[in-house]
């Protein structure tokens, strides 16, 4: 069974739009024009589903540029905190992944 992916959702552009466009370009490889369009379309997915750690790293790059982001589980659609626990503590409602194994419910510890 394939592990669910996590994508970065651009929630709001923030005040530093030039920095935000540069960060989007860095992460996506889009042109300046396409990056600005994506920023103006918030909320919008910035990354394709991928590993939780990669999504959290991408969210950090965007947040450092002033963008408001969320990391969303592609499988159960819950928002995951970049810290140690979920923002949405409800049970995983995905159709194939066991709730006790959902990484949105139980992000990996930083010690492992």
PDB file of N, CA and C in Angstrom:
ATOM      1  N   UNK A   1       0.843  -1.160   0.000  1.00  0.00           N
ATOM      2  CA  UNK A   1       0.000   0.000   0.000  1.00  0.00           C
ATOM      3  C   UNK A   1       0.901   1.240   0.000  1.00  0.00           C
ATOM      4  N   UNK A   2       0.579   2.185  -0.829  1.00  0.00           N
ATOM      5  CA  UNK A   2       1.385   3.395  -0.964  1.00  0.00           C
ATOM      6  C   UNK A   2       1.069   4.380   0.150  1.00  0.00           C
ATOM      7  N   UNK A   3       2.106   5.001   0.679  1.00  0.00           N
ATOM      8  CA  UNK A   3       1.939   5.989   1.739  1.00  0.00           C
ATOM      9  C   UNK A   3       1.348   7.264   1.153  1.00  0.00           C
ATOM     10  N   UNK A   4       0.445   7.933   1.893  1.00  0.00           N
ATOM     11  CA  UNK A   4      -0.149   9.165   1.378  1.00  0.00           C
ATOM     12  C   UNK A   4       0.883  10.269   1.244  1.00  0.00           C
ATOM     13  N   UNK A   5       0.638  11.177   0.331  1.00  0.00           N
ATOM     14  CA  UNK A   5       1.517  12.311   0.132  1.00  0.00           C
ATOM     15  C   UNK A   5       1.024  13.525   0.888  1.00  0.00           C
ATOM     16  N   UNK A   6       1.878  14.506   1.001  1.00  0.00           N
ATOM     17  CA  UNK A   6       1.540  15.759   1.666  1.00  0.00           C
ATOM     18  C   UNK A   6       1.882  16.887   0.711  1.00  0.00           C
ATOM     19  N   UNK A   7       0.978  17.851   0.589  1.00  0.00           N
ATOM     20  CA  UNK A   7       1.206  18.983  -0.311  1.00  0.00           C
ATOM     21  C   UNK A   7       1.171  20.277   0.492  1.00  0.00           C
ATOM     22  N   UNK A   8       1.791  21.299  -0.068  1.00  0.00           N
ATOM     23  CA  UNK A   8       1.816  22.610   0.569  1.00  0.00           C
ATOM     24  C   UNK A   8       0.727  23.458  -0.064  1.00  0.00           C
ATOM     25  N   UNK A   9      -0.116  24.005   0.791  1.00  0.00           N
ATOM     26  CA  UNK A   9      -1.197  24.873   0.351  1.00  0.00           C
ATOM     27  C   UNK A   9      -0.844  26.306   0.703  1.00  0.00           C
ATOM     28  N   UNK A  10      -0.861  27.175  -0.280  1.00  0.00           N
ATOM     29  CA  UNK A  10      -0.628  28.597  -0.068  1.00  0.00           C
ATOM     30  C   UNK A  10      -1.945  29.174   0.435  1.00  0.00           C
ATOM     31  N   UNK A  11      -1.983  29.613   1.677  1.00  0.00           N
ATOM     32  CA  UNK A  11      -3.221  30.089   2.290  1.00  0.00           C
ATOM     33  C   UNK A  11      -3.437  31.576   2.011  1.00  0.00           C
ATOM     34  N   UNK A  12      -2.385  32.373   2.200  1.00  0.00           N
ATOM     35  CA  UNK A  12      -2.464  33.819   1.956  1.00  0.00           C
ATOM     36  C   UNK A  12      -1.086  34.333   1.561  1.00  0.00           C
ATOM     37  N   UNK A  13      -1.072  35.382   0.761  1.00  0.00           N
ATOM     38  CA  UNK A  13       0.173  35.894   0.202  1.00  0.00           C
ATOM     39  C   UNK A  13       1.064  36.596   1.213  1.00  0.00           C
ATOM     40  N   UNK A  14       0.499  37.226   2.216  1.00  0.00           N
ATOM     41  CA  UNK A  14       1.318  37.987   3.158  1.00  0.00           C
ATOM     42  C   UNK A  14       1.672  39.349   2.593  1.00  0.00           C
ATOM     43  N   UNK A  15       2.536  40.065   3.281  1.00  0.00           N
ATOM     44  CA  UNK A  15       2.872  41.441   2.908  1.00  0.00           C
ATOM     45  C   UNK A  15       4.049  41.549   1.953  1.00  0.00           C
ATOM     46  N   UNK A  16       4.888  40.532   1.889  1.00  0.00           N
ATOM     47  CA  UNK A  16       6.114  40.585   1.086  1.00  0.00           C
ATOM     48  C   UNK A  16       5.920  39.817  -0.223  1.00  0.00           C
ATOM     49  N   UNK A  17       5.135  40.384  -1.109  1.00  0.00           N
ATOM     50  CA  UNK A  17       4.762  39.661  -2.333  1.00  0.00           C
ATOM     51  C   UNK A  17       5.944  39.377  -3.254  1.00  0.00           C
ATOM     52  N   UNK A  18       6.906  40.267  -3.334  1.00  0.00           N
ATOM     53  CA  UNK A  18       8.065  40.022  -4.185  1.00  0.00           C
ATOM     54  C   UNK A  18       8.858  38.823  -3.675  1.00  0.00           C
ATOM     55  N   UNK A  19       9.081  38.777  -2.367  1.00  0.00           N
ATOM     56  CA  UNK A  19       9.780  37.637  -1.771  1.00  0.00           C
ATOM     57  C   UNK A  19       8.969  36.355  -1.951  1.00  0.00           C
ATOM     58  N   UNK A  20       7.650  36.469  -1.837  1.00  0.00           N
ATOM     59  CA  UNK A  20       6.777  35.312  -1.994  1.00  0.00           C
ATOM     60  C   UNK A  20       6.859  34.744  -3.409  1.00  0.00           C
ATOM     61  N   UNK A  21       6.851  35.607  -4.409  1.00  0.00           N
ATOM     62  CA  UNK A  21       6.948  35.155  -5.802  1.00  0.00           C
ATOM     63  C   UNK A  21       8.288  34.469  -6.034  1.00  0.00           C
ATOM     64  N   UNK A  22       9.352  35.034  -5.489  1.00  0.00           N
ATOM     65  CA  UNK A  22      10.679  34.408  -5.630  1.00  0.00           C
ATOM     66  C   UNK A  22      10.702  33.022  -4.981  1.00  0.00           C
ATOM     67  N   UNK A  23      10.097  32.885  -3.805  1.00  0.00           N
ATOM     68  CA  UNK A  23      10.072  31.595  -3.114  1.00  0.00           C
ATOM     69  C   UNK A  23       9.263  30.571  -3.911  1.00  0.00           C
ATOM     70  N   UNK A  24       8.152  30.989  -4.478  1.00  0.00           N
ATOM     71  CA  UNK A  24       7.331  30.082  -5.306  1.00  0.00           C
ATOM     72  C   UNK A  24       8.122  29.643  -6.523  1.00  0.00           C
ATOM     73  N   UNK A  25       8.808  30.579  -7.154  1.00  0.00           N
ATOM     74  CA  UNK A  25       9.640  30.237  -8.324  1.00  0.00           C
ATOM     75  C   UNK A  25      10.719  29.231  -7.949  1.00  0.00           C
ATOM     76  N   UNK A  26      11.348  29.420  -6.799  1.00  0.00           N
ATOM     77  CA  UNK A  26      12.403  28.516  -6.341  1.00  0.00           C
ATOM     78  C   UNK A  26      11.859  27.103  -6.147  1.00  0.00           C
ATOM     79  N   UNK A  27      10.687  26.993  -5.545  1.00  0.00           N
ATOM     80  CA  UNK A  27      10.118  25.676  -5.241  1.00  0.00           C
ATOM     81  C   UNK A  27       9.524  24.972  -6.456  1.00  0.00           C
ATOM     82  N   UNK A  28       8.915  25.741  -7.348  1.00  0.00           N
ATOM     83  CA  UNK A  28       8.143  25.132  -8.436  1.00  0.00           C
ATOM     84  C   UNK A  28       8.830  25.177  -9.793  1.00  0.00           C
ATOM     85  N   UNK A  29       9.715  26.132  -9.994  1.00  0.00           N
ATOM     86  CA  UNK A  29      10.324  26.293 -11.312  1.00  0.00           C
ATOM     87  C   UNK A  29       9.415  27.026 -12.285  1.00  0.00           C
ATOM     88  N   UNK A  30       8.321  27.590 -11.784  1.00  0.00           N
ATOM     89  CA  UNK A  30       7.414  28.346 -12.648  1.00  0.00           C
ATOM     90  C   UNK A  30       8.044  29.673 -13.059  1.00  0.00           C
ATOM     91  N   UNK A  31       7.517  30.254 -14.115  1.00  0.00           N
ATOM     92  CA  UNK A  31       7.996  31.568 -14.540  1.00  0.00           C
ATOM     93  C   UNK A  31       7.539  32.628 -13.535  1.00  0.00           C
ATOM     94  N   UNK A  32       8.089  33.823 -13.663  1.00  0.00           N
ATOM     95  CA  UNK A  32       7.704  34.934 -12.808  1.00  0.00           C
ATOM     96  C   UNK A  32       6.201  35.190 -12.905  1.00  0.00           C
ATOM     97  N   UNK A  33       5.686  35.226 -14.132  1.00  0.00           N
ATOM     98  CA  UNK A  33       4.265  35.488 -14.359  1.00  0.00           C
ATOM     99  C   UNK A  33       3.404  34.397 -13.740  1.00  0.00           C
ATOM    100  N   UNK A  34       3.754  33.127 -13.968  1.00  0.00           N
ATOM    101  CA  UNK A  34       2.967  32.020 -13.423  1.00  0.00           C
ATOM    102  C   UNK A  34       3.044  31.971 -11.897  1.00  0.00           C
ATOM    103  N   UNK A  35       4.204  32.323 -11.347  1.00  0.00           N
ATOM    104  CA  UNK A  35       4.344  32.357  -9.891  1.00  0.00           C
ATOM    105  C   UNK A  35       3.457  33.431  -9.285  1.00  0.00           C
ATOM    106  N   UNK A  36       3.395  34.592  -9.933  1.00  0.00           N
ATOM    107  CA  UNK A  36       2.526  35.668  -9.447  1.00  0.00           C
ATOM    108  C   UNK A  36       1.066  35.261  -9.553  1.00  0.00           C
ATOM    109  N   UNK A  37       0.688  34.603 -10.641  1.00  0.00           N
ATOM    110  CA  UNK A  37      -0.698  34.129 -10.775  1.00  0.00           C
ATOM    111  C   UNK A  37      -1.055  33.145  -9.674  1.00  0.00           C
ATOM    112  N   UNK A  38      -0.135  32.230  -9.363  1.00  0.00           N
ATOM    113  CA  UNK A  38      -0.374  31.255  -8.295  1.00  0.00           C
ATOM    114  C   UNK A  38      -0.544  31.976  -6.956  1.00  0.00           C
ATOM    115  N   UNK A  39       0.277  32.957  -6.694  1.00  0.00           N
ATOM    116  CA  UNK A  39       0.180  33.731  -5.453  1.00  0.00           C
ATOM    117  C   UNK A  39      -1.155  34.453  -5.366  1.00  0.00           C
ATOM    118  N   UNK A  40      -1.612  35.003  -6.481  1.00  0.00           N
ATOM    119  CA  UNK A  40      -2.884  35.727  -6.512  1.00  0.00           C
ATOM    120  C   UNK A  40      -4.092  34.803  -6.385  1.00  0.00           C
ATOM    121  N   UNK A  41      -3.914  33.512  -6.657  1.00  0.00           N
ATOM    122  CA  UNK A  41      -5.019  32.545  -6.587  1.00  0.00           C
ATOM    123  C   UNK A  41      -5.194  31.922  -5.203  1.00  0.00           C
ATOM    124  N   UNK A  42      -4.476  32.399  -4.213  1.00  0.00           N
ATOM    125  CA  UNK A  42      -4.538  31.787  -2.867  1.00  0.00           C
ATOM    126  C   UNK A  42      -5.990  31.701  -2.391  1.00  0.00           C
ATOM    127  N   UNK A  43      -6.376  30.609  -1.803  1.00  0.00           N
ATOM    128  CA  UNK A  43      -5.613  29.412  -1.472  1.00  0.00           C
ATOM    129  C   UNK A  43      -5.394  28.533  -2.705  1.00  0.00           C
ATOM    130  N   UNK A  44      -4.184  28.036  -2.833  1.00  0.00           N
ATOM    131  CA  UNK A  44      -3.812  27.190  -3.965  1.00  0.00           C
ATOM    132  C   UNK A  44      -2.694  26.245  -3.555  1.00  0.00           C
ATOM    133  N   UNK A  45      -2.688  25.055  -4.167  1.00  0.00           N
ATOM    134  CA  UNK A  45      -1.617  24.084  -3.901  1.00  0.00           C
ATOM    135  C   UNK A  45      -0.348  24.541  -4.606  1.00  0.00           C
ATOM    136  N   UNK A  46       0.756  24.568  -3.870  1.00  0.00           N
ATOM    137  CA  UNK A  46       2.030  24.997  -4.431  1.00  0.00           C
ATOM    138  C   UNK A  46       2.849  23.797  -4.890  1.00  0.00           C
ATOM    139  N   UNK A  47       2.780  22.707  -4.143  1.00  0.00           N
ATOM    140  CA  UNK A  47       3.564  21.525  -4.479  1.00  0.00           C
ATOM    141  C   UNK A  47       2.653  20.337  -4.758  1.00  0.00           C
ATOM    142  N   UNK A  48       3.181  19.401  -5.509  1.00  0.00           N
ATOM    143  CA  UNK A  48       2.491  18.129  -5.729  1.00  0.00           C
ATOM    144  C   UNK A  48       2.660  17.278  -4.473  1.00  0.00           C
ATOM    145  N   UNK A  49       1.797  16.292  -4.271  1.00  0.00           N
ATOM    146  CA  UNK A  49       1.945  15.440  -3.089  1.00  0.00           C
ATOM    147  C   UNK A  49       3.320  14.783  -3.032  1.00  0.00           C
ATOM    148  N   UNK A  50       3.919  14.809  -1.858  1.00  0.00           N
ATOM    149  CA  UNK A  50       5.238  14.220  -1.657  1.00  0.00           C
ATOM    150  C   UNK A  50       5.421  13.835  -0.201  1.00  0.00           C
ATOM    151  N   UNK A  51       6.647  13.570   0.179  1.00  0.00           N
ATOM    152  CA  UNK A  51       6.958  13.180   1.551  1.00  0.00           C
ATOM    153  C   UNK A  51       6.636  14.301   2.515  1.00  0.00           C
ATOM    154  N   UNK A  52       6.243  13.937   3.727  1.00  0.00           N
ATOM    155  CA  UNK A  52       5.911  14.913   4.762  1.00  0.00           C
ATOM    156  C   UNK A  52       7.076  15.863   5.012  1.00  0.00           C
ATOM    157  N   UNK A  53       8.276  15.332   5.124  1.00  0.00           N
ATOM    158  CA  UNK A  53       9.441  16.166   5.413  1.00  0.00           C
ATOM    159  C   UNK A  53       9.692  17.178   4.294  1.00  0.00           C
ATOM    160  N   UNK A  54       9.526  16.756   3.043  1.00  0.00           N
ATOM    161  CA  UNK A  54       9.722  17.664   1.906  1.00  0.00           C
ATOM    162  C   UNK A  54       8.665  18.762   1.907  1.00  0.00           C
ATOM    163  N   UNK A  55       7.423  18.411   2.223  1.00  0.00           N
ATOM    164  CA  UNK A  55       6.354  19.407   2.285  1.00  0.00           C
ATOM    165  C   UNK A  55       6.609  20.407   3.408  1.00  0.00           C
ATOM    166  N   UNK A  56       7.081  19.919   4.551  1.00  0.00           N
ATOM    167  CA  UNK A  56       7.378  20.821   5.659  1.00  0.00           C
ATOM    168  C   UNK A  56       8.546  21.750   5.327  1.00  0.00           C
ATOM    169  N   UNK A  57       9.541  21.241   4.623  1.00  0.00           N
ATOM    170  CA  UNK A  57      10.670  22.079   4.203  1.00  0.00           C
ATOM    171  C   UNK A  57      10.214  23.153   3.217  1.00  0.00           C
ATOM    172  N   UNK A  58       9.341  22.773   2.280  1.00  0.00           N
ATOM    173  CA  UNK A  58       8.825  23.743   1.305  1.00  0.00           C
ATOM    174  C   UNK A  58       7.976  24.800   2.009  1.00  0.00           C
ATOM    175  N   UNK A  59       7.182  24.383   2.968  1.00  0.00           N
ATOM    176  CA  UNK A  59       6.364  25.334   3.719  1.00  0.00           C
ATOM    177  C   UNK A  59       7.255  26.325   4.474  1.00  0.00           C
ATOM    178  N   UNK A  60       8.361  25.859   5.002  1.00  0.00           N
ATOM    179  CA  UNK A  60       9.287  26.742   5.724  1.00  0.00           C
ATOM    180  C   UNK A  60       9.891  27.790   4.784  1.00  0.00           C
ATOM    181  N   UNK A  61      10.257  27.362   3.578  1.00  0.00           N
ATOM    182  CA  UNK A  61      10.808  28.311   2.597  1.00  0.00           C
ATOM    183  C   UNK A  61       9.778  29.405   2.300  1.00  0.00           C
ATOM    184  N   UNK A  62       8.533  29.009   2.098  1.00  0.00           N
ATOM    185  CA  UNK A  62       7.480  29.986   1.803  1.00  0.00           C
ATOM    186  C   UNK A  62       7.200  30.881   3.009  1.00  0.00           C
ATOM    187  N   UNK A  63       7.143  30.299   4.188  1.00  0.00           N
ATOM    188  CA  UNK A  63       6.866  31.099   5.381  1.00  0.00           C
ATOM    189  C   UNK A  63       7.996  32.075   5.675  1.00  0.00           C
ATOM    190  N   UNK A  64       9.227  31.692   5.378  1.00  0.00           N
ATOM    191  CA  UNK A  64      10.352  32.616   5.534  1.00  0.00           C
ATOM    192  C   UNK A  64      10.231  33.807   4.592  1.00  0.00           C
ATOM    193  N   UNK A  65       9.483  33.635   3.497  1.00  0.00           N
ATOM    194  CA  UNK A  65       9.249  34.717   2.535  1.00  0.00           C
ATOM    195  C   UNK A  65       7.958  35.478   2.841  1.00  0.00           C
ATOM    196  N   UNK A  66       7.327  35.165   3.986  1.00  0.00           N
ATOM    197  CA  UNK A  66       6.134  35.902   4.394  1.00  0.00           C
ATOM    198  C   UNK A  66       4.817  35.305   3.948  1.00  0.00           C
ATOM    199  N   UNK A  67       4.844  34.134   3.323  1.00  0.00           N
ATOM    200  CA  UNK A  67       3.627  33.487   2.841  1.00  0.00           C
ATOM    201  C   UNK A  67       3.013  32.664   3.968  1.00  0.00           C
ATOM    202  N   UNK A  68       1.697  32.675   4.059  1.00  0.00           N
ATOM    203  CA  UNK A  68       0.991  31.846   5.031  1.00  0.00           C
ATOM    204  C   UNK A  68       0.668  30.514   4.356  1.00  0.00           C
ATOM    205  N   UNK A  69       1.115  29.409   4.958  1.00  0.00           N
ATOM    206  CA  UNK A  69       0.967  28.097   4.331  1.00  0.00           C
ATOM    207  C   UNK A  69       0.308  27.093   5.266  1.00  0.00           C
ATOM    208  N   UNK A  70      -0.062  25.967   4.678  1.00  0.00           N
ATOM    209  CA  UNK A  70      -0.541  24.808   5.429  1.00  0.00           C
ATOM    210  C   UNK A  70      -0.014  23.569   4.722  1.00  0.00           C
ATOM    211  N   UNK A  71       0.353  22.560   5.491  1.00  0.00           N
ATOM    212  CA  UNK A  71       0.745  21.265   4.936  1.00  0.00           C
ATOM    213  C   UNK A  71      -0.470  20.362   5.093  1.00  0.00           C
ATOM    214  N   UNK A  72      -0.944  19.817   3.959  1.00  0.00           N
ATOM    215  CA  UNK A  72      -2.193  19.057   3.940  1.00  0.00           C
ATOM    216  C   UNK A  72      -1.930  17.623   3.519  1.00  0.00           C
ATOM    217  N   UNK A  73      -2.502  16.681   4.268  1.00  0.00           N
ATOM    218  CA  UNK A  73      -2.408  15.267   3.912  1.00  0.00           C
ATOM    219  C   UNK A  73      -3.248  15.035   2.657  1.00  0.00           C
ATOM    220  N   UNK A  74      -2.649  14.467   1.644  1.00  0.00           N
ATOM    221  CA  UNK A  74      -3.347  14.241   0.384  1.00  0.00           C
ATOM    222  C   UNK A  74      -4.368  13.112   0.501  1.00  0.00           C
ATOM    223  N   UNK A  75      -4.265  12.347   1.542  1.00  0.00           N
ATOM    224  CA  UNK A  75      -5.116  11.181   1.704  1.00  0.00           C
ATOM    225  C   UNK A  75      -6.351  11.472   2.534  1.00  0.00           C
ATOM    226  N   UNK A  76      -6.186  12.168   3.674  1.00  0.00           N
ATOM    227  CA  UNK A  76      -7.341  12.430   4.541  1.00  0.00           C
ATOM    228  C   UNK A  76      -7.706  13.912   4.599  1.00  0.00           C
ATOM    229  N   UNK A  77      -6.967  14.752   3.866  1.00  0.00           N
ATOM    230  CA  UNK A  77      -7.251  16.185   3.736  1.00  0.00           C
ATOM    231  C   UNK A  77      -7.139  16.957   5.049  1.00  0.00           C
ATOM    232  N   UNK A  78      -6.373  16.436   6.013  1.00  0.00           N
ATOM    233  CA  UNK A  78      -6.185  17.165   7.266  1.00  0.00           C
ATOM    234  C   UNK A  78      -4.928  18.007   7.189  1.00  0.00           C
ATOM    235  N   UNK A  79      -4.938  19.117   7.922  1.00  0.00           N
ATOM    236  CA  UNK A  79      -3.802  20.014   7.985  1.00  0.00           C
ATOM    237  C   UNK A  79      -2.852  19.524   9.071  1.00  0.00           C
ATOM    238  N   UNK A  80      -1.571  19.476   8.733  1.00  0.00           N
ATOM    239  CA  UNK A  80      -0.560  18.964   9.649  1.00  0.00           C
ATOM    240  C   UNK A  80       0.317  20.108  10.125  1.00  0.00           C
ATOM    241  N   UNK A  81       0.607  20.128  11.401  1.00  0.00           N
ATOM    242  CA  UNK A  81       1.480  21.131  11.998  1.00  0.00           C
ATOM    243  C   UNK A  81       2.917  20.825  11.606  1.00  0.00           C
ATOM    244  N   UNK A  82       3.737  21.849  11.441  1.00  0.00           N
ATOM    245  CA  UNK A  82       5.150  21.619  11.153  1.00  0.00           C
ATOM    246  C   UNK A  82       5.904  21.167  12.388  1.00  0.00           C
ATOM    247  N   UNK A  83       5.247  21.205  13.544  1.00  0.00           N
ATOM    248  CA  UNK A  83       5.877  20.762  14.787  1.00  0.00           C
ATOM    249  C   UNK A  83       5.693  19.265  14.979  1.00  0.00           C
ATOM    250  N   UNK A  84       5.458  18.867  16.213  1.00  0.00           N
ATOM    251  CA  UNK A  84       5.380  17.460  16.550  1.00  0.00           C
ATOM    252  C   UNK A  84       3.978  16.869  16.462  1.00  0.00           C
ATOM    253  N   UNK A  85       2.936  17.673  16.399  1.00  0.00           N
ATOM    254  CA  UNK A  85       1.584  17.114  16.443  1.00  0.00           C
ATOM    255  C   UNK A  85       0.691  17.666  15.356  1.00  0.00           C
ATOM    256  N   UNK A  86      -0.460  17.042  15.154  1.00  0.00           N
ATOM    257  CA  UNK A  86      -1.389  17.499  14.122  1.00  0.00           C
ATOM    258  C   UNK A  86      -2.130  18.761  14.562  1.00  0.00           C
ATOM    259  N   UNK A  87      -2.477  19.617  13.617  1.00  0.00           N
ATOM    260  CA  UNK A  87      -3.343  20.747  13.924  1.00  0.00           C
ATOM    261  C   UNK A  87      -4.775  20.267  14.067  1.00  0.00           C
ATOM    262  N   UNK A  88      -5.148  19.280  13.291  1.00  0.00           N
ATOM    263  CA  UNK A  88      -6.487  18.708  13.326  1.00  0.00           C
ATOM    264  C   UNK A  88      -6.394  17.369  14.052  1.00  0.00           C
ATOM    265  N   UNK A  89      -6.758  17.317  15.336  1.00  0.00           N
ATOM    266  CA  UNK A  89      -6.553  16.092  16.099  1.00  0.00           C
ATOM    267  C   UNK A  89      -7.600  15.014  15.849  1.00  0.00           C
ATOM    268  N   UNK A  90      -8.555  15.247  14.962  1.00  0.00           N
ATOM    269  CA  UNK A  90      -9.575  14.246  14.689  1.00  0.00           C
ATOM    270  C   UNK A  90      -8.990  12.997  14.070  1.00  0.00           C
ATOM    271  N   UNK A  91      -9.748  11.916  14.085  1.00  0.00           N
ATOM    272  CA  UNK A  91      -9.230  10.663  13.518  1.00  0.00           C
ATOM    273  C   UNK A  91      -9.085  10.754  12.002  1.00  0.00           C
ATOM    274  N   UNK A  92      -8.133  10.012  11.498  1.00  0.00           N
ATOM    275  CA  UNK A  92      -7.906   9.948  10.064  1.00  0.00           C
ATOM    276  C   UNK A  92      -9.124   9.305   9.409  1.00  0.00           C
ATOM    277  N   UNK A  93      -9.582   9.882   8.337  1.00  0.00           N
ATOM    278  CA  UNK A  93     -10.767   9.368   7.663  1.00  0.00           C
ATOM    279  C   UNK A  93     -10.458   8.854   6.271  1.00  0.00           C
ATOM    280  N   UNK A  94      -9.203   8.548   6.008  1.00  0.00           N
ATOM    281  CA  UNK A  94      -8.823   8.054   4.687  1.00  0.00           C
ATOM    282  C   UNK A  94      -9.349   6.650   4.452  1.00  0.00           C
ATOM    283  N   UNK A  95      -9.598   6.293   3.203  1.00  0.00           N
ATOM    284  CA  UNK A  95     -10.232   5.017   2.891  1.00  0.00           C
ATOM    285  C   UNK A  95      -9.322   3.790   2.966  1.00  0.00           C
ATOM    286  N   UNK A  96      -7.998   3.928   2.839  1.00  0.00           N
ATOM    287  CA  UNK A  96      -7.143   2.744   2.766  1.00  0.00           C
ATOM    288  C   UNK A  96      -6.094   2.659   3.852  1.00  0.00           C
ATOM    289  N   UNK A  97      -5.711   3.774   4.420  1.00  0.00           N
ATOM    290  CA  UNK A  97      -4.609   3.800   5.378  1.00  0.00           C
ATOM    291  C   UNK A  97      -5.157   3.602   6.784  1.00  0.00           C
ATOM    292  N   UNK A  98      -4.609   2.699   7.601  1.00  0.00           N
ATOM    293  CA  UNK A  98      -5.094   2.530   8.973  1.00  0.00           C
ATOM    294  C   UNK A  98      -4.880   3.813   9.778  1.00  0.00           C
ATOM    295  N   UNK A  99      -5.890   4.221  10.525  1.00  0.00           N
ATOM    296  CA  UNK A  99      -5.833   5.488  11.258  1.00  0.00           C
ATOM    297  C   UNK A  99      -4.632   5.561  12.193  1.00  0.00           C
ATOM    298  N   UNK A 100      -4.255   4.443  12.815  1.00  0.00           N
ATOM    299  CA  UNK A 100      -3.118   4.471  13.741  1.00  0.00           C
ATOM    300  C   UNK A 100      -1.781   4.653  13.026  1.00  0.00           C
ATOM    301  N   UNK A 101      -1.753   4.475  11.710  1.00  0.00           N
ATOM    302  CA  UNK A 101      -0.524   4.626  10.939  1.00  0.00           C
ATOM    303  C   UNK A 101      -0.459   5.933  10.156  1.00  0.00           C
ATOM    304  N   UNK A 102      -1.522   6.700  10.186  1.00  0.00           N
ATOM    305  CA  UNK A 102      -1.587   7.941   9.403  1.00  0.00           C
ATOM    306  C   UNK A 102      -0.549   8.931   9.912  1.00  0.00           C
ATOM    307  N   UNK A 103       0.295   9.428   9.039  1.00  0.00           N
ATOM    308  CA  UNK A 103       1.351  10.360   9.441  1.00  0.00           C
ATOM    309  C   UNK A 103       0.793  11.731   9.777  1.00  0.00           C
ATOM    310  N   UNK A 104      -0.442  12.024   9.342  1.00  0.00           N
ATOM    311  CA  UNK A 104      -1.072  13.269   9.758  1.00  0.00           C
ATOM    312  C   UNK A 104      -1.457  13.192  11.238  1.00  0.00           C
ATOM    313  N   UNK A 105      -1.765  11.972  11.713  1.00  0.00           N
ATOM    314  CA  UNK A 105      -2.105  11.783  13.118  1.00  0.00           C
ATOM    315  C   UNK A 105      -0.867  11.650  13.976  1.00  0.00           C
ATOM    316  N   UNK A 106       0.151  11.004  13.446  1.00  0.00           N
ATOM    317  CA  UNK A 106       1.359  10.705  14.212  1.00  0.00           C
ATOM    318  C   UNK A 106       2.594  11.047  13.403  1.00  0.00           C
ATOM    319  N   UNK A 107       2.943  12.343  13.276  1.00  0.00           N
ATOM    320  CA  UNK A 107       4.173  12.682  12.553  1.00  0.00           C
ATOM    321  C   UNK A 107       5.364  12.004  13.199  1.00  0.00           C
ATOM    322  N   UNK A 108       6.392  11.692  12.423  1.00  0.00           N
ATOM    323  CA  UNK A 108       7.555  11.009  12.996  1.00  0.00           C
ATOM    324  C   UNK A 108       8.239  11.896  14.038  1.00  0.00           C
ATOM    325  N   UNK A 109       8.781  11.278  15.063  1.00  0.00           N
ATOM    326  CA  UNK A 109       9.496  12.043  16.073  1.00  0.00           C
ATOM    327  C   UNK A 109      10.825  12.526  15.502  1.00  0.00           C
ATOM    328  N   UNK A 110      11.303  13.595  16.027  1.00  0.00           N
ATOM    329  CA  UNK A 110      12.561  14.163  15.522  1.00  0.00           C
ATOM    330  C   UNK A 110      13.755  13.351  15.996  1.00  0.00           C
ATOM    331  N   UNK A 111      13.542  12.454  16.972  1.00  0.00           N
ATOM    332  CA  UNK A 111      14.634  11.638  17.501  1.00  0.00           C
ATOM    333  C   UNK A 111      14.931  10.429  16.619  1.00  0.00           C
ATOM    334  N   UNK A 112      13.959   9.984  15.805  1.00  0.00           N
ATOM    335  CA  UNK A 112      14.170   8.765  15.005  1.00  0.00           C
ATOM    336  C   UNK A 112      14.766   9.036  13.662  1.00  0.00           C
TER     337      UNK A 112
END
